[in-house]
Amino acid sequence: MTIAESFAAEFRREADTTRKFLERFPDGRADWKPHEKSMSLGKLASHIVDMPNWAPTILDVEAFDFATSDYQVPAWRTKDALLEGHGKTVAGFLAALEGRTDEQLGVTWKLLVGGRVLEAMPRSAAIRSFIVSHGIHHRAQLGVYYRLLGIPVPGAYGPSADDPTP
């Protein structure tokens, strides 16, 4: 199995779990924040849904510089919009990854701010860090938001207190 095939299998599983969380998104609460310094619920969910869109940048561009980018996170504000966006970004991620060789995934990719290197790592590590692991981190954060709002938290890797038989 290639690195790309391994990532695709792992990502499909994580995407299915993320979908369970998005299915519980409470319409009409997109602006809710647990704290003034926190992202809003809608912004957090949109960020999670958008992350797979980073794959072409990581896989096809030598570096990404925040200072010269006009990148904006889409603002999906309803459950239906988030689920539709999720379906598209998951499909786009899998398409971008398809057929990549281990050698291609070993090429160094850089994350910059004003030309200053924040991170330099193999593309495979960037995919794992900035898409897979980052998505898992924020999905857990979404679970905390749900708990605070009284929304049942789905099980991610087995049962949860609200979902004893996931």
N, C-alpha and C. Protein backbone atom coordinates (compact mmCIF):
# COMPACT_ATOMS: atom_id res chain seq x y z
N MET A 1 0.85 -1.18 0.00
CA MET A 1 0.00 0.00 0.00
C MET A 1 0.90 1.24 0.00
N THR A 2 0.56 2.20 -0.84
CA THR A 2 1.33 3.45 -0.89
C THR A 2 0.92 4.36 0.27
N ILE A 3 1.72 5.39 0.49
CA ILE A 3 1.37 6.37 1.52
C ILE A 3 0.03 7.03 1.17
N ALA A 4 -0.16 7.36 -0.09
CA ALA A 4 -1.42 8.00 -0.53
C ALA A 4 -2.61 7.09 -0.26
N GLU A 5 -2.47 5.82 -0.56
CA GLU A 5 -3.57 4.87 -0.32
C GLU A 5 -3.86 4.75 1.17
N SER A 6 -2.81 4.76 1.97
CA SER A 6 -2.99 4.69 3.42
C SER A 6 -3.71 5.93 3.94
N PHE A 7 -3.28 7.11 3.48
CA PHE A 7 -3.96 8.35 3.88
C PHE A 7 -5.42 8.34 3.45
N ALA A 8 -5.68 7.87 2.25
CA ALA A 8 -7.06 7.85 1.75
C ALA A 8 -7.94 6.98 2.64
N ALA A 9 -7.45 5.81 3.02
CA ALA A 9 -8.22 4.92 3.89
C ALA A 9 -8.48 5.56 5.25
N GLU A 10 -7.44 6.14 5.83
CA GLU A 10 -7.58 6.80 7.12
C GLU A 10 -8.53 7.99 7.02
N PHE A 11 -8.37 8.78 5.96
CA PHE A 11 -9.18 9.97 5.79
C PHE A 11 -10.66 9.61 5.61
N ARG A 12 -10.95 8.56 4.86
CA ARG A 12 -12.36 8.16 4.67
C ARG A 12 -13.01 7.86 6.03
N ARG A 13 -12.27 7.15 6.89
CA ARG A 13 -12.81 6.81 8.21
C ARG A 13 -13.05 8.08 9.02
N GLU A 14 -12.07 8.98 9.02
CA GLU A 14 -12.22 10.23 9.77
C GLU A 14 -13.34 11.09 9.19
N ALA A 15 -13.48 11.09 7.87
CA ALA A 15 -14.54 11.87 7.23
C ALA A 15 -15.92 11.34 7.63
N ASP A 16 -16.06 10.04 7.73
CA ASP A 16 -17.33 9.45 8.17
C ASP A 16 -17.66 9.90 9.60
N THR A 17 -16.64 9.92 10.45
CA THR A 17 -16.84 10.36 11.83
C THR A 17 -17.19 11.84 11.87
N THR A 18 -16.49 12.64 11.09
CA THR A 18 -16.78 14.08 11.03
C THR A 18 -18.22 14.31 10.57
N ARG A 19 -18.66 13.53 9.61
CA ARG A 19 -20.05 13.66 9.13
C ARG A 19 -21.04 13.46 10.28
N LYS A 20 -20.78 12.49 11.15
CA LYS A 20 -21.67 12.26 12.31
C LYS A 20 -21.77 13.52 13.17
N PHE A 21 -20.65 14.21 13.35
CA PHE A 21 -20.65 15.45 14.13
C PHE A 21 -21.42 16.55 13.40
N LEU A 22 -21.21 16.67 12.10
CA LEU A 22 -21.89 17.72 11.34
C LEU A 22 -23.39 17.49 11.27
N GLU A 23 -23.81 16.25 11.30
CA GLU A 23 -25.25 15.93 11.27
C GLU A 23 -25.97 16.47 12.50
N ARG A 24 -25.23 16.80 13.54
CA ARG A 24 -25.83 17.33 14.77
C ARG A 24 -25.70 18.84 14.88
N PHE A 25 -25.19 19.49 13.83
CA PHE A 25 -25.02 20.95 13.86
C PHE A 25 -26.37 21.62 14.06
N PRO A 26 -26.48 22.51 15.04
CA PRO A 26 -27.77 23.14 15.34
C PRO A 26 -28.01 24.39 14.48
N ASP A 27 -28.89 24.29 13.52
CA ASP A 27 -29.22 25.46 12.71
C ASP A 27 -29.68 26.60 13.62
N GLY A 28 -29.31 27.81 13.25
CA GLY A 28 -29.68 28.99 14.02
C GLY A 28 -28.70 29.31 15.15
N ARG A 29 -27.64 28.50 15.30
CA ARG A 29 -26.67 28.74 16.38
C ARG A 29 -25.27 29.02 15.84
N ALA A 30 -25.13 29.33 14.57
CA ALA A 30 -23.81 29.50 13.95
C ALA A 30 -22.98 30.59 14.61
N ASP A 31 -23.60 31.58 15.19
CA ASP A 31 -22.85 32.68 15.80
C ASP A 31 -22.48 32.43 17.26
N TRP A 32 -22.94 31.33 17.83
CA TRP A 32 -22.68 31.04 19.25
C TRP A 32 -21.20 30.80 19.50
N LYS A 33 -20.70 31.35 20.62
CA LYS A 33 -19.32 31.16 21.05
C LYS A 33 -19.31 30.79 22.53
N PRO A 34 -18.45 29.85 22.93
CA PRO A 34 -18.37 29.53 24.36
C PRO A 34 -17.60 30.59 25.15
N HIS A 35 -16.83 31.41 24.45
CA HIS A 35 -16.01 32.44 25.09
C HIS A 35 -15.72 33.52 24.04
N GLU A 36 -15.50 34.73 24.48
CA GLU A 36 -15.26 35.83 23.53
C GLU A 36 -14.03 35.60 22.65
N LYS A 37 -13.04 34.84 23.11
CA LYS A 37 -11.84 34.56 22.33
C LYS A 37 -11.99 33.33 21.42
N SER A 38 -13.09 32.63 21.56
CA SER A 38 -13.32 31.41 20.78
C SER A 38 -13.88 31.72 19.40
N MET A 39 -13.65 30.77 18.48
CA MET A 39 -14.33 30.85 17.18
C MET A 39 -15.82 30.61 17.41
N SER A 40 -16.63 31.16 16.55
CA SER A 40 -18.06 30.86 16.62
C SER A 40 -18.27 29.41 16.17
N LEU A 41 -19.40 28.86 16.53
CA LEU A 41 -19.75 27.50 16.16
C LEU A 41 -19.73 27.33 14.64
N GLY A 42 -20.29 28.28 13.91
CA GLY A 42 -20.32 28.20 12.46
C GLY A 42 -18.94 28.29 11.84
N LYS A 43 -18.10 29.18 12.39
CA LYS A 43 -16.74 29.32 11.86
C LYS A 43 -15.93 28.05 12.14
N LEU A 44 -16.08 27.48 13.32
CA LEU A 44 -15.36 26.25 13.66
C LEU A 44 -15.79 25.11 12.73
N ALA A 45 -17.09 24.92 12.56
CA ALA A 45 -17.57 23.86 11.68
C ALA A 45 -17.14 24.10 10.23
N SER A 46 -17.18 25.34 9.78
CA SER A 46 -16.74 25.66 8.42
C SER A 46 -15.25 25.37 8.24
N HIS A 47 -14.46 25.69 9.25
CA HIS A 47 -13.02 25.42 9.21
C HIS A 47 -12.77 23.91 9.07
N ILE A 48 -13.49 23.13 9.83
CA ILE A 48 -13.35 21.67 9.76
C ILE A 48 -13.70 21.17 8.36
N VAL A 49 -14.80 21.64 7.83
CA VAL A 49 -15.26 21.22 6.51
C VAL A 49 -14.28 21.65 5.42
N ASP A 50 -13.69 22.82 5.57
CA ASP A 50 -12.81 23.38 4.53
C ASP A 50 -11.42 22.76 4.50
N MET A 51 -10.93 22.22 5.60
CA MET A 51 -9.54 21.74 5.65
C MET A 51 -9.12 20.83 4.51
N PRO A 52 -9.93 19.88 4.07
CA PRO A 52 -9.50 19.03 2.96
C PRO A 52 -9.21 19.81 1.67
N ASN A 53 -9.76 21.02 1.55
CA ASN A 53 -9.47 21.85 0.38
C ASN A 53 -8.01 22.27 0.31
N TRP A 54 -7.27 22.11 1.38
CA TRP A 54 -5.86 22.49 1.39
C TRP A 54 -4.99 21.49 0.65
N ALA A 55 -5.52 20.30 0.36
CA ALA A 55 -4.71 19.25 -0.27
C ALA A 55 -4.01 19.69 -1.55
N PRO A 56 -4.70 20.30 -2.52
CA PRO A 56 -3.98 20.71 -3.73
C PRO A 56 -2.83 21.69 -3.46
N THR A 57 -3.01 22.58 -2.51
CA THR A 57 -1.93 23.51 -2.18
C THR A 57 -0.73 22.76 -1.62
N ILE A 58 -0.98 21.83 -0.73
CA ILE A 58 0.12 21.05 -0.15
C ILE A 58 0.76 20.15 -1.19
N LEU A 59 -0.05 19.56 -2.04
CA LEU A 59 0.46 18.56 -2.99
C LEU A 59 1.04 19.15 -4.28
N ASP A 60 0.58 20.33 -4.68
CA ASP A 60 0.95 20.85 -6.00
C ASP A 60 1.73 22.15 -5.99
N VAL A 61 1.87 22.79 -4.84
CA VAL A 61 2.54 24.08 -4.74
C VAL A 61 3.71 23.92 -3.77
N GLU A 62 4.82 24.55 -4.08
CA GLU A 62 6.02 24.41 -3.24
C GLU A 62 5.85 24.98 -1.84
N ALA A 63 5.08 26.08 -1.73
CA ALA A 63 4.92 26.75 -0.45
C ALA A 63 3.62 27.55 -0.44
N PHE A 64 3.14 27.81 0.76
CA PHE A 64 1.97 28.66 0.95
C PHE A 64 2.38 29.78 1.90
N ASP A 65 2.13 31.02 1.49
CA ASP A 65 2.50 32.17 2.31
C ASP A 65 1.23 32.91 2.73
N PHE A 66 0.96 32.91 4.03
CA PHE A 66 -0.23 33.60 4.54
C PHE A 66 -0.23 35.07 4.17
N ALA A 67 0.94 35.70 4.10
CA ALA A 67 1.04 37.13 3.84
C ALA A 67 0.61 37.52 2.43
N THR A 68 0.72 36.62 1.49
CA THR A 68 0.38 36.96 0.10
C THR A 68 -0.89 36.25 -0.37
N SER A 69 -1.53 35.54 0.52
CA SER A 69 -2.74 34.79 0.15
C SER A 69 -4.00 35.61 0.43
N ASP A 70 -4.98 35.42 -0.41
CA ASP A 70 -6.29 36.02 -0.15
C ASP A 70 -7.29 34.96 0.31
N TYR A 71 -6.76 33.87 0.83
CA TYR A 71 -7.58 32.74 1.28
C TYR A 71 -8.60 33.17 2.33
N GLN A 72 -9.82 32.73 2.14
CA GLN A 72 -10.90 32.98 3.09
C GLN A 72 -11.63 31.65 3.34
N VAL A 73 -11.88 31.35 4.61
CA VAL A 73 -12.65 30.15 4.93
C VAL A 73 -14.10 30.40 4.51
N PRO A 74 -14.69 29.46 3.76
CA PRO A 74 -16.10 29.61 3.43
C PRO A 74 -16.94 29.69 4.71
N ALA A 75 -18.08 30.33 4.63
CA ALA A 75 -18.95 30.49 5.80
C ALA A 75 -20.23 29.68 5.59
N TRP A 76 -20.14 28.40 5.88
CA TRP A 76 -21.33 27.56 5.86
C TRP A 76 -22.03 27.74 7.20
N ARG A 77 -23.31 28.06 7.19
CA ARG A 77 -24.00 28.42 8.44
C ARG A 77 -25.15 27.49 8.81
N THR A 78 -25.40 26.48 7.98
CA THR A 78 -26.48 25.54 8.29
C THR A 78 -25.97 24.11 8.18
N LYS A 79 -26.67 23.22 8.81
CA LYS A 79 -26.30 21.81 8.76
C LYS A 79 -26.27 21.32 7.32
N ASP A 80 -27.29 21.63 6.55
CA ASP A 80 -27.33 21.16 5.16
C ASP A 80 -26.15 21.70 4.34
N ALA A 81 -25.83 22.97 4.52
CA ALA A 81 -24.71 23.56 3.78
C ALA A 81 -23.39 22.92 4.21
N LEU A 82 -23.22 22.69 5.51
CA LEU A 82 -22.00 22.04 6.00
C LEU A 82 -21.87 20.62 5.44
N LEU A 83 -22.96 19.88 5.45
CA LEU A 83 -22.92 18.50 4.94
C LEU A 83 -22.63 18.47 3.45
N GLU A 84 -23.22 19.40 2.71
CA GLU A 84 -22.94 19.47 1.28
C GLU A 84 -21.47 19.83 1.03
N GLY A 85 -20.99 20.83 1.76
CA GLY A 85 -19.59 21.23 1.64
C GLY A 85 -18.66 20.10 2.02
N HIS A 86 -18.99 19.39 3.08
CA HIS A 86 -18.18 18.25 3.53
C HIS A 86 -18.07 17.19 2.43
N GLY A 87 -19.18 16.86 1.82
CA GLY A 87 -19.15 15.88 0.73
C GLY A 87 -18.22 16.31 -0.40
N LYS A 88 -18.27 17.58 -0.74
CA LYS A 88 -17.43 18.09 -1.83
C LYS A 88 -15.96 18.14 -1.43
N THR A 89 -15.65 18.59 -0.23
CA THR A 89 -14.24 18.70 0.15
C THR A 89 -13.61 17.33 0.37
N VAL A 90 -14.39 16.39 0.87
CA VAL A 90 -13.87 15.02 1.01
C VAL A 90 -13.55 14.44 -0.36
N ALA A 91 -14.48 14.58 -1.29
CA ALA A 91 -14.25 14.07 -2.65
C ALA A 91 -13.05 14.75 -3.29
N GLY A 92 -12.91 16.05 -3.09
CA GLY A 92 -11.78 16.79 -3.65
C GLY A 92 -10.45 16.34 -3.05
N PHE A 93 -10.44 16.09 -1.75
CA PHE A 93 -9.22 15.62 -1.09
C PHE A 93 -8.81 14.27 -1.67
N LEU A 94 -9.75 13.35 -1.76
CA LEU A 94 -9.44 12.01 -2.27
C LEU A 94 -8.97 12.07 -3.72
N ALA A 95 -9.58 12.93 -4.52
CA ALA A 95 -9.15 13.08 -5.92
C ALA A 95 -7.74 13.67 -6.00
N ALA A 96 -7.44 14.65 -5.15
CA ALA A 96 -6.11 15.27 -5.16
C ALA A 96 -5.03 14.27 -4.74
N LEU A 97 -5.37 13.38 -3.86
CA LEU A 97 -4.40 12.42 -3.34
C LEU A 97 -4.20 11.22 -4.27
N GLU A 98 -5.21 10.92 -5.05
CA GLU A 98 -5.19 9.72 -5.89
C GLU A 98 -4.00 9.70 -6.84
N GLY A 99 -3.31 8.57 -6.85
CA GLY A 99 -2.20 8.36 -7.77
C GLY A 99 -0.89 8.99 -7.36
N ARG A 100 -0.85 9.66 -6.22
CA ARG A 100 0.41 10.27 -5.78
C ARG A 100 1.38 9.17 -5.35
N THR A 101 2.61 9.34 -5.74
CA THR A 101 3.63 8.35 -5.38
C THR A 101 4.23 8.70 -4.02
N ASP A 102 4.85 7.71 -3.40
CA ASP A 102 5.56 7.96 -2.14
C ASP A 102 6.64 9.02 -2.34
N GLU A 103 7.28 8.99 -3.50
CA GLU A 103 8.33 9.97 -3.79
C GLU A 103 7.74 11.39 -3.83
N GLN A 104 6.60 11.54 -4.48
CA GLN A 104 5.96 12.85 -4.54
C GLN A 104 5.58 13.35 -3.14
N LEU A 105 5.13 12.44 -2.30
CA LEU A 105 4.71 12.82 -0.96
C LEU A 105 5.90 13.07 -0.04
N GLY A 106 7.08 12.71 -0.48
CA GLY A 106 8.29 12.96 0.29
C GLY A 106 8.94 14.30 0.01
N VAL A 107 8.46 15.01 -1.01
CA VAL A 107 9.01 16.32 -1.37
C VAL A 107 8.64 17.34 -0.28
N THR A 108 9.57 18.22 0.05
CA THR A 108 9.35 19.21 1.10
C THR A 108 8.35 20.28 0.66
N TRP A 109 7.46 20.62 1.56
CA TRP A 109 6.47 21.68 1.40
C TRP A 109 6.69 22.67 2.54
N LYS A 110 6.44 23.96 2.27
CA LYS A 110 6.69 24.99 3.28
C LYS A 110 5.45 25.82 3.54
N LEU A 111 5.29 26.20 4.79
CA LEU A 111 4.27 27.15 5.22
C LEU A 111 5.01 28.41 5.64
N LEU A 112 4.63 29.54 5.04
CA LEU A 112 5.35 30.80 5.23
C LEU A 112 4.44 31.91 5.74
N VAL A 113 5.07 32.91 6.35
CA VAL A 113 4.40 34.17 6.66
C VAL A 113 5.38 35.26 6.25
N GLY A 114 5.05 35.98 5.21
CA GLY A 114 5.91 37.04 4.72
C GLY A 114 7.27 36.53 4.30
N GLY A 115 7.31 35.35 3.72
CA GLY A 115 8.55 34.75 3.28
C GLY A 115 9.32 34.02 4.38
N ARG A 116 8.93 34.21 5.64
CA ARG A 116 9.58 33.51 6.75
C ARG A 116 8.98 32.12 6.90
N VAL A 117 9.83 31.11 6.97
CA VAL A 117 9.37 29.72 7.05
C VAL A 117 8.87 29.42 8.46
N LEU A 118 7.59 29.06 8.55
CA LEU A 118 7.02 28.59 9.81
C LEU A 118 7.22 27.09 9.95
N GLU A 119 7.01 26.40 8.85
CA GLU A 119 7.11 24.94 8.82
C GLU A 119 7.70 24.53 7.48
N ALA A 120 8.53 23.50 7.51
CA ALA A 120 9.03 22.86 6.29
C ALA A 120 9.04 21.37 6.59
N MET A 121 8.32 20.62 5.78
CA MET A 121 8.18 19.19 6.05
C MET A 121 7.81 18.46 4.77
N PRO A 122 7.98 17.14 4.76
CA PRO A 122 7.51 16.39 3.59
C PRO A 122 6.01 16.58 3.40
N ARG A 123 5.59 16.54 2.16
CA ARG A 123 4.16 16.72 1.86
C ARG A 123 3.30 15.73 2.65
N SER A 124 3.78 14.51 2.83
CA SER A 124 3.01 13.53 3.60
C SER A 124 2.80 14.01 5.03
N ALA A 125 3.82 14.59 5.64
CA ALA A 125 3.69 15.11 7.00
C ALA A 125 2.75 16.30 7.04
N ALA A 126 2.78 17.14 6.01
CA ALA A 126 1.88 18.29 5.95
C ALA A 126 0.43 17.84 5.82
N ILE A 127 0.17 16.83 5.01
CA ILE A 127 -1.19 16.27 4.89
C ILE A 127 -1.65 15.77 6.24
N ARG A 128 -0.80 14.99 6.90
CA ARG A 128 -1.16 14.44 8.21
C ARG A 128 -1.41 15.57 9.21
N SER A 129 -0.50 16.53 9.28
CA SER A 129 -0.59 17.59 10.29
C SER A 129 -1.72 18.58 10.01
N PHE A 130 -1.71 19.17 8.82
CA PHE A 130 -2.61 20.30 8.52
C PHE A 130 -4.01 19.89 8.08
N ILE A 131 -4.19 18.64 7.69
CA ILE A 131 -5.53 18.21 7.29
C ILE A 131 -6.06 17.14 8.24
N VAL A 132 -5.38 16.02 8.35
CA VAL A 132 -5.92 14.91 9.15
C VAL A 132 -5.91 15.24 10.64
N SER A 133 -4.75 15.46 11.22
CA SER A 133 -4.67 15.71 12.67
C SER A 133 -5.37 17.01 13.06
N HIS A 134 -5.19 18.04 12.27
CA HIS A 134 -5.83 19.33 12.54
C HIS A 134 -7.35 19.18 12.54
N GLY A 135 -7.86 18.40 11.59
CA GLY A 135 -9.30 18.16 11.53
C GLY A 135 -9.81 17.41 12.74
N ILE A 136 -9.06 16.41 13.19
CA ILE A 136 -9.45 15.64 14.38
C ILE A 136 -9.47 16.56 15.60
N HIS A 137 -8.45 17.39 15.72
CA HIS A 137 -8.37 18.34 16.84
C HIS A 137 -9.61 19.24 16.88
N HIS A 138 -9.96 19.84 15.76
CA HIS A 138 -11.09 20.76 15.75
C HIS A 138 -12.42 20.03 15.86
N ARG A 139 -12.49 18.80 15.39
CA ARG A 139 -13.72 18.01 15.57
C ARG A 139 -13.96 17.76 17.06
N ALA A 140 -12.89 17.48 17.81
CA ALA A 140 -13.03 17.31 19.26
C ALA A 140 -13.49 18.62 19.90
N GLN A 141 -12.96 19.73 19.42
CA GLN A 141 -13.39 21.03 19.91
C GLN A 141 -14.89 21.23 19.64
N LEU A 142 -15.34 20.81 18.47
CA LEU A 142 -16.76 20.89 18.14
C LEU A 142 -17.58 20.07 19.14
N GLY A 143 -17.06 18.92 19.54
CA GLY A 143 -17.74 18.11 20.54
C GLY A 143 -17.90 18.84 21.86
N VAL A 144 -16.89 19.61 22.26
CA VAL A 144 -16.99 20.41 23.49
C VAL A 144 -18.07 21.48 23.32
N TYR A 145 -18.10 22.13 22.18
CA TYR A 145 -19.15 23.12 21.93
C TYR A 145 -20.52 22.46 22.06
N TYR A 146 -20.67 21.29 21.45
CA TYR A 146 -21.95 20.58 21.53
C TYR A 146 -22.31 20.27 22.98
N ARG A 147 -21.34 19.80 23.75
CA ARG A 147 -21.61 19.47 25.15
C ARG A 147 -22.12 20.71 25.87
N LEU A 148 -21.48 21.85 25.65
CA LEU A 148 -21.89 23.09 26.31
C LEU A 148 -23.29 23.54 25.88
N LEU A 149 -23.67 23.19 24.66
CA LEU A 149 -25.01 23.55 24.15
C LEU A 149 -26.06 22.49 24.46
N GLY A 150 -25.67 21.40 25.09
CA GLY A 150 -26.62 20.34 25.40
C GLY A 150 -26.95 19.45 24.21
N ILE A 151 -26.10 19.47 23.20
CA ILE A 151 -26.29 18.64 22.01
C ILE A 151 -25.55 17.32 22.23
N PRO A 152 -26.22 16.19 22.04
CA PRO A 152 -25.55 14.91 22.26
C PRO A 152 -24.29 14.77 21.38
N VAL A 153 -23.20 14.39 22.00
CA VAL A 153 -21.92 14.24 21.30
C VAL A 153 -21.81 12.82 20.75
N PRO A 154 -21.61 12.69 19.44
CA PRO A 154 -21.48 11.33 18.89
C PRO A 154 -20.16 10.68 19.30
N GLY A 155 -20.15 9.37 19.29
CA GLY A 155 -18.90 8.65 19.52
C GLY A 155 -18.00 8.82 18.32
N ALA A 156 -16.71 8.99 18.58
CA ALA A 156 -15.74 9.14 17.49
C ALA A 156 -14.99 7.84 17.26
N TYR A 157 -14.46 7.26 18.31
CA TYR A 157 -13.65 6.03 18.19
C TYR A 157 -14.23 4.92 19.06
N GLY A 158 -15.51 4.98 19.25
CA GLY A 158 -16.22 4.06 20.12
C GLY A 158 -17.36 4.83 20.76
N PRO A 159 -17.91 4.30 21.81
CA PRO A 159 -19.05 4.97 22.45
C PRO A 159 -18.67 6.31 23.06
N SER A 160 -19.67 7.17 23.19
CA SER A 160 -19.55 8.40 23.97
C SER A 160 -20.62 8.33 25.06
N ALA A 161 -20.59 9.27 25.97
CA ALA A 161 -21.61 9.30 27.03
C ALA A 161 -23.01 9.47 26.43
N ASP A 162 -23.10 10.08 25.26
CA ASP A 162 -24.40 10.31 24.63
C ASP A 162 -24.74 9.29 23.56
N ASP A 163 -23.77 8.52 23.15
CA ASP A 163 -23.91 7.61 22.02
C ASP A 163 -23.26 6.27 22.40
N PRO A 164 -23.94 5.49 23.28
CA PRO A 164 -23.29 4.27 23.78
C PRO A 164 -23.08 3.17 22.75
N THR A 165 -23.79 3.23 21.63
CA THR A 165 -23.61 2.24 20.57
C THR A 165 -23.45 2.93 19.22
N PRO A 166 -22.26 3.52 18.99
CA PRO A 166 -22.06 4.29 17.75
C PRO A 166 -22.14 3.46 16.50
